Amino acid sequence: MGMMKEFKEFVNRGSVVDLAVGVIIGGAFGKIVSSLVDDVIMPPIGLAMSGVDFAKLSITLKEAVGDKPAVLLKYGVFLNTVITFLIVAFCIFMIVRSLNKMQRKQEAALPTPPPPLPSKQEVLLTEIRDALRSK
């Protein structure tokens, strides 16, 4: 019974729920960016490069033999994936940059706390030091 209680506490923590929501939204965002790259960005680039379809760019390592398919090195798909990654990374960078900027503004707006008062021991040691100096 103790392990189930610990598990419930773990799942009910806000950070776990926030992480789950972030992963789900991140997955959906990744699909949107993949579609953006594959369906919107790469076709005009391919058209500008004499009608190249990047998704079909590949190098044949071994020709198809009978019912065995050809072995292909699909570098066009890799290029699409790299561009997708760069767009996602840039978007995340911009979000983190904005959050950091807001956090710095909030920290700057807060008044700086006064320095802590010296402890009783420090006060007594200071008095002893001053007394020894005056002798």
N, C-alpha and C. Protein backbone atom coordinates (compact mmCIF):
# COMPACT_ATOMS: atom_id res chain seq x y z
N MET A 1 0.82 -1.20 0.00
CA MET A 1 0.00 0.00 0.00
C MET A 1 0.87 1.27 0.00
N GLY A 2 2.04 1.20 0.61
CA GLY A 2 2.91 2.37 0.69
C GLY A 2 3.39 2.82 -0.68
N MET A 3 3.70 1.85 -1.56
CA MET A 3 4.19 2.20 -2.88
C MET A 3 3.09 2.88 -3.70
N MET A 4 1.85 2.42 -3.59
CA MET A 4 0.74 3.05 -4.32
C MET A 4 0.54 4.48 -3.86
N LYS A 5 0.67 4.72 -2.56
CA LYS A 5 0.51 6.08 -2.03
C LYS A 5 1.62 6.98 -2.58
N GLU A 6 2.86 6.47 -2.58
CA GLU A 6 3.97 7.24 -3.14
C GLU A 6 3.75 7.53 -4.62
N PHE A 7 3.24 6.53 -5.35
CA PHE A 7 2.99 6.72 -6.77
C PHE A 7 1.94 7.80 -6.99
N LYS A 8 0.86 7.79 -6.20
CA LYS A 8 -0.18 8.81 -6.32
C LYS A 8 0.39 10.20 -6.05
N GLU A 9 1.24 10.32 -5.01
CA GLU A 9 1.86 11.61 -4.71
C GLU A 9 2.75 12.06 -5.87
N PHE A 10 3.49 11.12 -6.45
CA PHE A 10 4.37 11.44 -7.57
C PHE A 10 3.58 11.95 -8.76
N VAL A 11 2.50 11.24 -9.10
CA VAL A 11 1.70 11.61 -10.27
C VAL A 11 0.96 12.92 -10.03
N ASN A 12 0.56 13.18 -8.80
CA ASN A 12 -0.22 14.38 -8.51
C ASN A 12 0.64 15.63 -8.37
N ARG A 13 1.94 15.47 -8.39
CA ARG A 13 2.80 16.66 -8.34
C ARG A 13 2.57 17.48 -9.61
N GLY A 14 2.64 18.78 -9.47
CA GLY A 14 2.43 19.66 -10.61
C GLY A 14 3.46 19.49 -11.69
N SER A 15 4.70 19.23 -11.30
CA SER A 15 5.75 19.14 -12.31
C SER A 15 5.57 17.95 -13.24
N VAL A 16 5.04 16.84 -12.73
CA VAL A 16 4.82 15.66 -13.58
C VAL A 16 3.71 15.95 -14.58
N VAL A 17 2.64 16.57 -14.12
CA VAL A 17 1.54 16.91 -15.01
C VAL A 17 2.01 17.93 -16.05
N ASP A 18 2.77 18.93 -15.61
CA ASP A 18 3.29 19.93 -16.54
C ASP A 18 4.19 19.29 -17.59
N LEU A 19 5.01 18.34 -17.16
CA LEU A 19 5.89 17.65 -18.10
C LEU A 19 5.08 16.87 -19.12
N ALA A 20 4.04 16.18 -18.66
CA ALA A 20 3.19 15.41 -19.58
C ALA A 20 2.52 16.33 -20.60
N VAL A 21 2.01 17.45 -20.14
CA VAL A 21 1.38 18.40 -21.06
C VAL A 21 2.41 18.93 -22.05
N GLY A 22 3.62 19.24 -21.58
CA GLY A 22 4.67 19.73 -22.45
C GLY A 22 5.06 18.73 -23.52
N VAL A 23 5.14 17.46 -23.13
CA VAL A 23 5.50 16.42 -24.10
C VAL A 23 4.42 16.28 -25.17
N ILE A 24 3.16 16.30 -24.75
CA ILE A 24 2.05 16.16 -25.70
C ILE A 24 2.02 17.34 -26.66
N ILE A 25 2.13 18.54 -26.11
CA ILE A 25 2.12 19.74 -26.97
C ILE A 25 3.35 19.76 -27.86
N GLY A 26 4.50 19.34 -27.32
CA GLY A 26 5.72 19.29 -28.12
C GLY A 26 5.60 18.33 -29.28
N GLY A 27 4.97 17.18 -29.04
CA GLY A 27 4.76 16.21 -30.13
C GLY A 27 3.88 16.78 -31.22
N ALA A 28 2.82 17.46 -30.80
CA ALA A 28 1.92 18.07 -31.79
C ALA A 28 2.65 19.19 -32.55
N PHE A 29 3.45 19.96 -31.83
CA PHE A 29 4.20 21.05 -32.46
C PHE A 29 5.19 20.48 -33.46
N GLY A 30 5.83 19.36 -33.11
CA GLY A 30 6.77 18.71 -34.02
C GLY A 30 6.10 18.27 -35.31
N LYS A 31 4.87 17.77 -35.21
CA LYS A 31 4.14 17.36 -36.41
C LYS A 31 3.80 18.57 -37.29
N ILE A 32 3.44 19.67 -36.64
CA ILE A 32 3.13 20.89 -37.39
C ILE A 32 4.37 21.38 -38.13
N VAL A 33 5.51 21.39 -37.45
CA VAL A 33 6.74 21.85 -38.09
C VAL A 33 7.16 20.89 -39.19
N SER A 34 7.01 19.59 -38.98
CA SER A 34 7.33 18.62 -40.04
C SER A 34 6.49 18.88 -41.28
N SER A 35 5.21 19.13 -41.08
CA SER A 35 4.34 19.44 -42.21
C SER A 35 4.77 20.74 -42.87
N LEU A 36 5.12 21.73 -42.06
CA LEU A 36 5.58 23.01 -42.61
C LEU A 36 6.79 22.80 -43.51
N VAL A 37 7.75 22.03 -43.03
CA VAL A 37 8.97 21.80 -43.82
C VAL A 37 8.66 20.96 -45.06
N ASP A 38 7.98 19.82 -44.88
CA ASP A 38 7.75 18.89 -45.98
C ASP A 38 6.79 19.44 -47.03
N ASP A 39 5.75 20.17 -46.58
CA ASP A 39 4.68 20.57 -47.49
C ASP A 39 4.72 22.03 -47.93
N VAL A 40 5.42 22.89 -47.17
CA VAL A 40 5.41 24.32 -47.50
C VAL A 40 6.80 24.84 -47.87
N ILE A 41 7.82 24.49 -47.10
CA ILE A 41 9.15 25.07 -47.33
C ILE A 41 9.91 24.34 -48.44
N MET A 42 9.96 23.01 -48.36
CA MET A 42 10.79 22.26 -49.30
C MET A 42 10.29 22.26 -50.75
N PRO A 43 8.97 22.23 -51.03
CA PRO A 43 8.56 22.27 -52.44
C PRO A 43 9.03 23.50 -53.20
N PRO A 44 8.91 24.73 -52.66
CA PRO A 44 9.44 25.88 -53.42
C PRO A 44 10.97 25.82 -53.58
N ILE A 45 11.66 25.32 -52.55
CA ILE A 45 13.12 25.19 -52.68
C ILE A 45 13.45 24.18 -53.77
N GLY A 46 12.73 23.06 -53.78
CA GLY A 46 12.93 22.06 -54.83
C GLY A 46 12.61 22.60 -56.21
N LEU A 47 11.55 23.40 -56.31
CA LEU A 47 11.17 24.01 -57.58
C LEU A 47 12.25 24.96 -58.06
N ALA A 48 12.81 25.73 -57.11
CA ALA A 48 13.88 26.66 -57.47
C ALA A 48 15.14 25.92 -57.91
N MET A 49 15.27 24.67 -57.50
CA MET A 49 16.44 23.85 -57.86
C MET A 49 16.07 22.87 -58.97
N SER A 50 15.38 23.33 -59.98
CA SER A 50 15.01 22.54 -61.15
C SER A 50 14.06 21.40 -60.83
N GLY A 51 13.12 21.62 -59.94
CA GLY A 51 12.08 20.64 -59.65
C GLY A 51 12.53 19.44 -58.84
N VAL A 52 13.51 19.60 -57.98
CA VAL A 52 14.00 18.50 -57.16
C VAL A 52 13.02 18.25 -56.01
N ASP A 53 12.65 16.98 -55.81
CA ASP A 53 11.83 16.59 -54.66
C ASP A 53 12.78 16.03 -53.62
N PHE A 54 13.02 16.80 -52.57
CA PHE A 54 14.00 16.40 -51.57
C PHE A 54 13.66 15.06 -50.91
N ALA A 55 12.39 14.79 -50.73
CA ALA A 55 11.99 13.54 -50.08
C ALA A 55 12.38 12.32 -50.91
N LYS A 56 12.59 12.51 -52.20
CA LYS A 56 12.93 11.37 -53.07
C LYS A 56 14.42 11.32 -53.41
N LEU A 57 15.21 12.25 -52.88
CA LEU A 57 16.65 12.22 -53.15
C LEU A 57 17.28 11.06 -52.39
N SER A 58 18.00 10.23 -53.12
CA SER A 58 18.65 9.08 -52.47
C SER A 58 19.77 8.56 -53.36
N ILE A 59 20.61 7.76 -52.75
CA ILE A 59 21.68 7.08 -53.47
C ILE A 59 21.39 5.59 -53.35
N THR A 60 21.39 4.90 -54.47
CA THR A 60 21.13 3.46 -54.46
C THR A 60 22.42 2.73 -54.12
N LEU A 61 22.41 2.05 -52.98
CA LEU A 61 23.58 1.27 -52.57
C LEU A 61 23.58 -0.12 -53.18
N LYS A 62 22.37 -0.67 -53.35
CA LYS A 62 22.25 -2.00 -53.96
C LYS A 62 20.93 -2.04 -54.71
N GLU A 63 20.98 -2.42 -55.95
CA GLU A 63 19.78 -2.48 -56.79
C GLU A 63 18.83 -3.56 -56.26
N ALA A 64 17.55 -3.39 -56.60
CA ALA A 64 16.56 -4.39 -56.23
C ALA A 64 16.81 -5.68 -57.02
N VAL A 65 16.70 -6.81 -56.32
CA VAL A 65 16.89 -8.11 -56.96
C VAL A 65 15.67 -8.96 -56.65
N GLY A 66 14.92 -9.32 -57.68
CA GLY A 66 13.73 -10.14 -57.48
C GLY A 66 12.73 -9.45 -56.58
N ASP A 67 12.36 -10.13 -55.50
CA ASP A 67 11.39 -9.55 -54.57
C ASP A 67 12.06 -8.77 -53.44
N LYS A 68 13.39 -8.68 -53.44
CA LYS A 68 14.11 -7.91 -52.43
C LYS A 68 14.21 -6.46 -52.90
N PRO A 69 13.80 -5.51 -52.05
CA PRO A 69 13.85 -4.11 -52.47
C PRO A 69 15.29 -3.59 -52.52
N ALA A 70 15.44 -2.46 -53.20
CA ALA A 70 16.75 -1.82 -53.30
C ALA A 70 17.14 -1.25 -51.94
N VAL A 71 18.44 -1.18 -51.71
CA VAL A 71 18.97 -0.55 -50.49
C VAL A 71 19.32 0.89 -50.86
N LEU A 72 18.63 1.84 -50.19
CA LEU A 72 18.78 3.25 -50.53
C LEU A 72 19.34 4.04 -49.36
N LEU A 73 20.16 5.03 -49.67
CA LEU A 73 20.63 6.00 -48.70
C LEU A 73 19.82 7.27 -48.96
N LYS A 74 18.81 7.50 -48.13
CA LYS A 74 17.83 8.57 -48.37
C LYS A 74 18.29 9.88 -47.72
N TYR A 75 19.22 10.56 -48.37
CA TYR A 75 19.74 11.80 -47.81
C TYR A 75 18.75 12.96 -47.94
N GLY A 76 17.79 12.89 -48.85
CA GLY A 76 16.77 13.94 -48.98
C GLY A 76 15.86 13.98 -47.77
N VAL A 77 15.46 12.81 -47.28
CA VAL A 77 14.64 12.73 -46.07
C VAL A 77 15.44 13.26 -44.88
N PHE A 78 16.73 12.93 -44.86
CA PHE A 78 17.60 13.44 -43.79
C PHE A 78 17.67 14.96 -43.81
N LEU A 79 17.79 15.55 -45.01
CA LEU A 79 17.81 17.02 -45.12
C LEU A 79 16.52 17.63 -44.59
N ASN A 80 15.37 17.02 -44.93
CA ASN A 80 14.09 17.50 -44.40
C ASN A 80 14.08 17.43 -42.87
N THR A 81 14.60 16.35 -42.32
CA THR A 81 14.62 16.18 -40.87
C THR A 81 15.53 17.21 -40.21
N VAL A 82 16.67 17.49 -40.82
CA VAL A 82 17.59 18.49 -40.27
C VAL A 82 16.94 19.87 -40.28
N ILE A 83 16.28 20.21 -41.38
CA ILE A 83 15.61 21.52 -41.45
C ILE A 83 14.49 21.59 -40.42
N THR A 84 13.74 20.51 -40.26
CA THR A 84 12.69 20.46 -39.24
C THR A 84 13.28 20.70 -37.86
N PHE A 85 14.39 20.01 -37.56
CA PHE A 85 15.04 20.18 -36.26
C PHE A 85 15.47 21.62 -36.06
N LEU A 86 16.08 22.23 -37.07
CA LEU A 86 16.55 23.61 -36.93
C LEU A 86 15.39 24.57 -36.66
N ILE A 87 14.26 24.36 -37.31
CA ILE A 87 13.10 25.23 -37.07
C ILE A 87 12.57 25.04 -35.65
N VAL A 88 12.45 23.78 -35.21
CA VAL A 88 11.97 23.51 -33.85
C VAL A 88 12.95 24.10 -32.82
N ALA A 89 14.24 23.89 -33.04
CA ALA A 89 15.25 24.42 -32.11
C ALA A 89 15.20 25.94 -32.05
N PHE A 90 15.01 26.58 -33.21
CA PHE A 90 14.93 28.04 -33.22
C PHE A 90 13.69 28.53 -32.48
N CYS A 91 12.55 27.86 -32.69
CA CYS A 91 11.32 28.24 -31.99
C CYS A 91 11.48 28.08 -30.47
N ILE A 92 12.07 26.98 -30.06
CA ILE A 92 12.29 26.77 -28.62
C ILE A 92 13.26 27.81 -28.08
N PHE A 93 14.31 28.12 -28.83
CA PHE A 93 15.25 29.16 -28.42
C PHE A 93 14.54 30.49 -28.21
N MET A 94 13.66 30.85 -29.15
CA MET A 94 12.94 32.13 -29.03
C MET A 94 12.02 32.14 -27.81
N ILE A 95 11.37 31.01 -27.53
CA ILE A 95 10.49 30.92 -26.36
C ILE A 95 11.30 31.06 -25.07
N VAL A 96 12.41 30.32 -24.98
CA VAL A 96 13.25 30.38 -23.78
C VAL A 96 13.85 31.78 -23.63
N ARG A 97 14.25 32.38 -24.73
CA ARG A 97 14.81 33.73 -24.69
C ARG A 97 13.78 34.73 -24.16
N SER A 98 12.53 34.60 -24.63
CA SER A 98 11.47 35.50 -24.17
C SER A 98 11.19 35.29 -22.69
N LEU A 99 11.14 34.03 -22.26
CA LEU A 99 10.89 33.75 -20.85
C LEU A 99 12.02 34.29 -19.98
N ASN A 100 13.26 34.13 -20.40
CA ASN A 100 14.38 34.67 -19.63
C ASN A 100 14.33 36.19 -19.54
N LYS A 101 13.93 36.83 -20.64
CA LYS A 101 13.82 38.29 -20.66
C LYS A 101 12.75 38.76 -19.66
N MET A 102 11.60 38.07 -19.68
CA MET A 102 10.52 38.42 -18.74
C MET A 102 10.97 38.20 -17.30
N GLN A 103 11.69 37.11 -17.05
CA GLN A 103 12.14 36.81 -15.70
C GLN A 103 13.13 37.87 -15.21
N ARG A 104 14.03 38.31 -16.10
CA ARG A 104 14.98 39.36 -15.71
C ARG A 104 14.26 40.66 -15.40
N LYS A 105 13.22 40.99 -16.17
CA LYS A 105 12.46 42.21 -15.91
C LYS A 105 11.76 42.12 -14.55
N GLN A 106 11.19 40.95 -14.25
CA GLN A 106 10.53 40.78 -12.97
C GLN A 106 11.52 40.86 -11.82
N GLU A 107 12.71 40.28 -11.98
CA GLU A 107 13.72 40.33 -10.94
C GLU A 107 14.23 41.75 -10.75
N ALA A 108 14.35 42.51 -11.84
CA ALA A 108 14.81 43.89 -11.75
C ALA A 108 13.77 44.77 -11.06
N ALA A 109 12.50 44.45 -11.22
CA ALA A 109 11.44 45.24 -10.62
C ALA A 109 11.33 45.01 -9.12
N LEU A 110 11.79 43.87 -8.65
CA LEU A 110 11.73 43.58 -7.22
C LEU A 110 12.76 44.41 -6.47
N PRO A 111 12.37 44.95 -5.30
CA PRO A 111 13.36 45.71 -4.53
C PRO A 111 14.41 44.75 -3.95
N THR A 112 15.64 45.26 -3.90
CA THR A 112 16.69 44.42 -3.34
C THR A 112 16.51 44.35 -1.83
N PRO A 113 16.61 43.17 -1.27
CA PRO A 113 16.41 43.05 0.18
C PRO A 113 17.59 43.69 0.92
N PRO A 114 17.31 44.26 2.09
CA PRO A 114 18.40 44.87 2.85
C PRO A 114 19.37 43.79 3.31
N PRO A 115 20.61 44.17 3.51
CA PRO A 115 21.57 43.17 3.95
C PRO A 115 21.16 42.64 5.34
N PRO A 116 21.44 41.39 5.60
CA PRO A 116 21.03 40.83 6.89
C PRO A 116 21.80 41.48 8.04
N LEU A 117 21.13 41.61 9.17
CA LEU A 117 21.76 42.18 10.35
C LEU A 117 22.79 41.19 10.89
N PRO A 118 23.86 41.71 11.47
CA PRO A 118 24.86 40.79 12.02
C PRO A 118 24.28 40.02 13.21
N SER A 119 24.78 38.81 13.39
CA SER A 119 24.30 37.99 14.50
C SER A 119 24.83 38.55 15.82
N LYS A 120 24.27 38.05 16.93
CA LYS A 120 24.71 38.50 18.24
C LYS A 120 26.19 38.21 18.46
N GLN A 121 26.64 37.07 17.95
CA GLN A 121 28.05 36.70 18.10
C GLN A 121 28.95 37.68 17.35
N GLU A 122 28.53 38.08 16.16
CA GLU A 122 29.33 39.03 15.39
C GLU A 122 29.39 40.37 16.09
N VAL A 123 28.25 40.81 16.65
CA VAL A 123 28.21 42.08 17.38
C VAL A 123 29.16 42.02 18.57
N LEU A 124 29.10 40.93 19.35
CA LEU A 124 29.99 40.79 20.51
C LEU A 124 31.46 40.75 20.09
N LEU A 125 31.77 40.01 19.01
CA LEU A 125 33.15 39.96 18.55
C LEU A 125 33.64 41.32 18.07
N THR A 126 32.76 42.07 17.44
CA THR A 126 33.12 43.42 17.00
C THR A 126 33.41 44.32 18.21
N GLU A 127 32.58 44.21 19.23
CA GLU A 127 32.80 45.00 20.45
C GLU A 127 34.11 44.62 21.11
N ILE A 128 34.40 43.32 21.15
CA ILE A 128 35.66 42.87 21.74
C ILE A 128 36.83 43.39 20.93
N ARG A 129 36.74 43.32 19.61
CA ARG A 129 37.81 43.81 18.75
C ARG A 129 38.04 45.30 18.97
N ASP A 130 36.95 46.06 19.01
CA ASP A 130 37.05 47.50 19.19
C ASP A 130 37.66 47.82 20.54
N ALA A 131 37.28 47.04 21.57
CA ALA A 131 37.82 47.27 22.91
C ALA A 131 39.33 46.98 22.94
N LEU A 132 39.74 45.92 22.25
CA LEU A 132 41.17 45.59 22.21
C LEU A 132 41.95 46.63 21.42
N ARG A 133 41.39 47.20 20.41
CA ARG A 133 42.06 48.24 19.63
C ARG A 133 42.25 49.51 20.44
N SER A 134 41.28 49.83 21.26
CA SER A 134 41.34 51.08 22.01
C SER A 134 42.38 51.02 23.14
N LYS A 135 42.85 49.81 23.53
CA LYS A 135 43.84 49.69 24.59
C LYS A 135 45.20 49.96 24.12
